[in-house]
C-alpha atoms as a PDB file:
ATOM      1  CA  SER A   1      77.787 111.680 114.508  1.00  0.00           C
ATOM      2  CA  SER A   2      78.547 111.588 118.170  1.00  0.00           C
ATOM      3  CA  PHE A   3      74.784 109.976 118.368  1.00  0.00           C
ATOM      4  CA  LEU A   4      76.537 107.783 115.143  1.00  0.00           C
ATOM      5  CA  SER A   5      78.698 106.540 117.734  1.00  0.00           C
ATOM      6  CA  THR A   6      75.842 106.409 120.730  1.00  0.00           C
ATOM      7  CA  LEU A   7      73.520 104.178 117.773  1.00  0.00           C
ATOM      8  CA  SER A   8      76.558 102.187 117.574  1.00  0.00           C
ATOM      9  CA  GLY A   9      77.195 101.466 120.924  1.00  0.00           C
ATOM     10  CA  THR A  10      73.143 101.105 121.595  1.00  0.00           C
ATOM     11  CA  VAL A  11      73.593  98.128 119.100  1.00  0.00           C
ATOM     12  CA  GLN A  12      76.283  96.482 120.501  1.00  0.00           C
ATOM     13  CA  GLU A  13      74.535  96.929 124.226  1.00  0.00           C
ATOM     14  CA  LEU A  14      70.810  94.985 122.867  1.00  0.00           C
ATOM     15  CA  VAL A  15      73.149  92.447 121.190  1.00  0.00           C
ATOM     16  CA  ARG A  16      74.974  91.213 124.541  1.00  0.00           C
ATOM     17  CA  LEU A  17      72.403  91.848 126.604  1.00  0.00           C
ATOM     18  CA  ARG A  18      70.369  89.287 123.134  1.00  0.00           C
ATOM     19  CA  GLN A  19      73.040  87.077 124.501  1.00  0.00           C
ATOM     20  CA  SER A  20      73.401  86.799 127.970  1.00  0.00           C
ATOM     21  CA  PRO A  21      72.046  84.807 129.582  1.00  0.00           C
ATOM     22  CA  GLN A  22      69.753  86.255 132.767  1.00  0.00           C
ATOM     23  CA  ALA A  23      68.590  88.697 129.463  1.00  0.00           C
ATOM     24  CA  ASP A  24      64.393  89.535 129.379  1.00  0.00           C
ATOM     25  CA  PRO A  25      63.647  87.032 127.366  1.00  0.00           C
ATOM     26  CA  GLN A  26      60.354  88.803 125.582  1.00  0.00           C
ATOM     27  CA  ALA A  27      62.595  92.354 125.344  1.00  0.00           C
ATOM     28  CA  THR A  28      65.525  90.486 122.872  1.00  0.00           C
ATOM     29  CA  ALA A  29      62.689  88.919 121.370  1.00  0.00           C
ATOM     30  CA  THR A  30      61.110  91.980 120.399  1.00  0.00           C
ATOM     31  CA  ALA A  31      64.692  93.730 120.437  1.00  0.00           C
ATOM     32  CA  SER A  32      66.719  94.023 116.418  1.00  0.00           C
ATOM     33  CA  PRO A  33      69.501  96.660 115.435  1.00  0.00           C
ATOM     34  CA  ALA A  34      68.066  96.698 112.036  1.00  0.00           C
ATOM     35  CA  ARG A  35      64.804  98.644 113.010  1.00  0.00           C
ATOM     36  CA  GLY A  36      67.194 101.834 114.078  1.00  0.00           C
ATOM     37  CA  ILE A  37      65.316 104.657 115.747  1.00  0.00           C
ATOM     38  CA  SER A  38      61.318 104.928 116.319  1.00  0.00           C
ATOM     39  CA  VAL A  39      58.623 107.980 117.574  1.00  0.00           C
ATOM     40  CA  SER A  40      55.495 107.595 117.538  1.00  0.00           C
ATOM     41  CA  ASP A  41      53.197 110.495 117.867  1.00  0.00           C
ATOM     42  CA  LEU A  42      56.083 112.748 120.272  1.00  0.00           C
ATOM     43  CA  TRP A  43      54.150 116.306 121.270  1.00  0.00           C
ATOM     44  CA  ALA A  44      56.827 118.651 123.293  1.00  0.00           C
ATOM     45  CA  ALA A  45      57.613 121.680 124.405  1.00  0.00           C
ATOM     46  CA  HIS A  46      59.251 124.324 125.876  1.00  0.00           C
ATOM     47  CA  THR A  47      59.398 123.960 130.186  1.00  0.00           C
ATOM     48  CA  ALA A  48      59.297 127.878 129.955  1.00  0.00           C
ATOM     49  CA  LYS A  49      55.883 128.290 127.251  1.00  0.00           C
ATOM     50  CA  ARG A  50      52.258 126.707 126.977  1.00  0.00           C
ATOM     51  CA  ALA A  51      52.642 126.232 123.327  1.00  0.00           C
ATOM     52  CA  TRP A  52      53.263 123.481 121.256  1.00  0.00           C
ATOM     53  CA  ALA A  53      57.225 122.600 119.651  1.00  0.00           C
ATOM     54  CA  VAL A  54      56.240 119.540 118.605  1.00  0.00           C
ATOM     55  CA  ARG A  55      52.846 118.306 117.994  1.00  0.00           C
ATOM     56  CA  GLY A  56      52.506 114.786 116.897  1.00  0.00           C
ATOM     57  CA  ALA A  57      55.822 113.930 115.147  1.00  0.00           C
ATOM     58  CA  THR A  58      56.418 110.556 113.451  1.00  0.00           C
ATOM     59  CA  PHE A  59      59.638 108.576 111.775  1.00  0.00           C
ATOM     60  CA  ALA A  60      61.169 106.119 111.333  1.00  0.00           C
ATOM     61  CA  CYS A  61      64.823 105.800 110.476  1.00  0.00           C
ATOM     62  CA  ARG A  62      65.765 102.413 110.708  1.00  0.00           C
ATOM     63  CA  ASN A  63      69.893 101.286 110.531  1.00  0.00           C
ATOM     64  CA  GLY A  64      71.453 102.432 107.431  1.00  0.00           C
ATOM     65  CA  GLU A  65      69.617 105.419 106.308  1.00  0.00           C
ATOM     66  CA  VAL A  66      69.654 109.224 106.348  1.00  0.00           C
ATOM     67  CA  THR A  67      66.361 111.132 107.837  1.00  0.00           C
ATOM     68  CA  LEU A  68      66.443 115.154 107.127  1.00  0.00           C
ATOM     69  CA  ILE A  69      64.413 117.283 109.253  1.00  0.00           C
ATOM     70  CA  LEU A  70      62.539 119.731 107.842  1.00  0.00           C
ATOM     71  CA  GLY A  71      60.498 123.128 108.984  1.00  0.00           C
ATOM     72  CA  ASP A  72      59.377 126.408 107.729  1.00  0.00           C
ATOM     73  CA  GLY A  73      62.050 128.551 109.162  1.00  0.00           C
ATOM     74  CA  GLU A  74      62.129 129.881 113.022  1.00  0.00           C
ATOM     75  CA  GLY A  75      60.311 128.110 115.125  1.00  0.00           C
ATOM     76  CA  ALA A  76      59.436 124.887 113.449  1.00  0.00           C
ATOM     77  CA  GLY A  77      59.898 122.472 116.270  1.00  0.00           C
ATOM     78  CA  ARG A  78      63.197 120.839 114.498  1.00  0.00           C
ATOM     79  CA  SER A  79      65.391 121.546 117.624  1.00  0.00           C
ATOM     80  CA  ARG A  80      63.197 120.997 120.453  1.00  0.00           C
ATOM     81  CA  LEU A  81      61.631 117.371 118.557  1.00  0.00           C
ATOM     82  CA  LEU A  82      65.873 116.234 118.513  1.00  0.00           C
ATOM     83  CA  THR A  83      66.106 117.979 122.116  1.00  0.00           C
ATOM     84  CA  ALA A  84      62.687 115.764 122.882  1.00  0.00           C
ATOM     85  CA  ILE A  85      63.742 112.714 122.379  1.00  0.00           C
ATOM     86  CA  SER A  86      67.432 112.388 123.360  1.00  0.00           C
ATOM     87  CA  GLU A  87      66.086 113.976 126.395  1.00  0.00           C
ATOM     88  CA  HIS A  88      63.576 111.372 126.412  1.00  0.00           C
ATOM     89  CA  LEU A  89      66.407 108.171 125.404  1.00  0.00           C
ATOM     90  CA  VAL A  90      68.755 109.796 128.571  1.00  0.00           C
ATOM     91  CA  GLN A  91      66.071 111.250 130.881  1.00  0.00           C
ATOM     92  CA  PRO A  92      63.052 110.469 132.424  1.00  0.00           C
ATOM     93  CA  THR A  93      60.378 113.663 131.506  1.00  0.00           C
ATOM     94  CA  GLN A  94      59.758 114.089 134.810  1.00  0.00           C
ATOM     95  CA  ARG A  95      63.878 115.224 135.135  1.00  0.00           C
ATOM     96  CA  SER A  96      64.601 117.358 131.875  1.00  0.00           C
ATOM     97  CA  ARG A  97      65.440 120.101 131.873  1.00  0.00           C
ATOM     98  CA  SER A  98      64.265 121.409 128.904  1.00  0.00           C
ATOM     99  CA  THR A  99      60.987 120.092 127.376  1.00  0.00           C
ATOM    100  CA  ALA A 100      57.957 119.170 128.707  1.00  0.00           C
ATOM    101  CA  HIS A 101      57.396 115.808 127.237  1.00  0.00           C
ATOM    102  CA  VAL A 102      54.008 115.490 127.392  1.00  0.00           C
ATOM    103  CA  ARG A 103      53.101 111.897 125.683  1.00  0.00           C
ATOM    104  CA  GLY A 104      54.701 109.589 122.653  1.00  0.00           C
ATOM    105  CA  ALA A 105      56.921 107.135 122.301  1.00  0.00           C
ATOM    106  CA  VAL A 106      60.675 106.458 121.791  1.00  0.00           C
ATOM    107  CA  SER A 107      62.362 103.655 120.599  1.00  0.00           C
ATOM    108  CA  VAL A 108      65.461 102.293 119.181  1.00  0.00           C
ATOM    109  CA  GLY A 109      66.254  98.613 118.054  1.00  0.00           C
ATOM    110  CA  GLY A 110      62.308  97.922 118.600  1.00  0.00           C
ATOM    111  CA  LEU A 111      63.340  98.687 122.245  1.00  0.00           C
ATOM    112  CA  ASP A 112      61.245 101.049 123.685  1.00  0.00           C
ATOM    113  CA  ALA A 113      63.313 104.338 126.110  1.00  0.00           C
ATOM    114  CA  PRO A 114      61.536 103.338 129.296  1.00  0.00           C
ATOM    115  CA  LYS A 115      61.259  99.730 129.337  1.00  0.00           C
ATOM    116  CA  TRP A 116      66.020 100.153 129.534  1.00  0.00           C
ATOM    117  CA  ASP A 117      67.093  99.319 132.911  1.00  0.00           C
END
């Protein structure tokens, strides 16, 4: 529920930014709350390990949808995937505490996370 309220706040912020007179026209033209969250070719590993926990994860969850993340028992990478996504949204990878994010893209509302102000 905390994630959903944060996502809702992000959507509201995108709407406010779109209506702002100094809004970036390119960013506001591509942003749409209905797009939800999208993850593309995300690779992530623990900072303390060399083995990949997440390899090429790609999925999208549009506004109002629910996505279920399944894996084969312990060590399947479910928690690492969600941690990598949240750390990618909240702070730059270089300062990430637990994930070595190597590549991939995470976007919310069609706007890539690194382009957020």
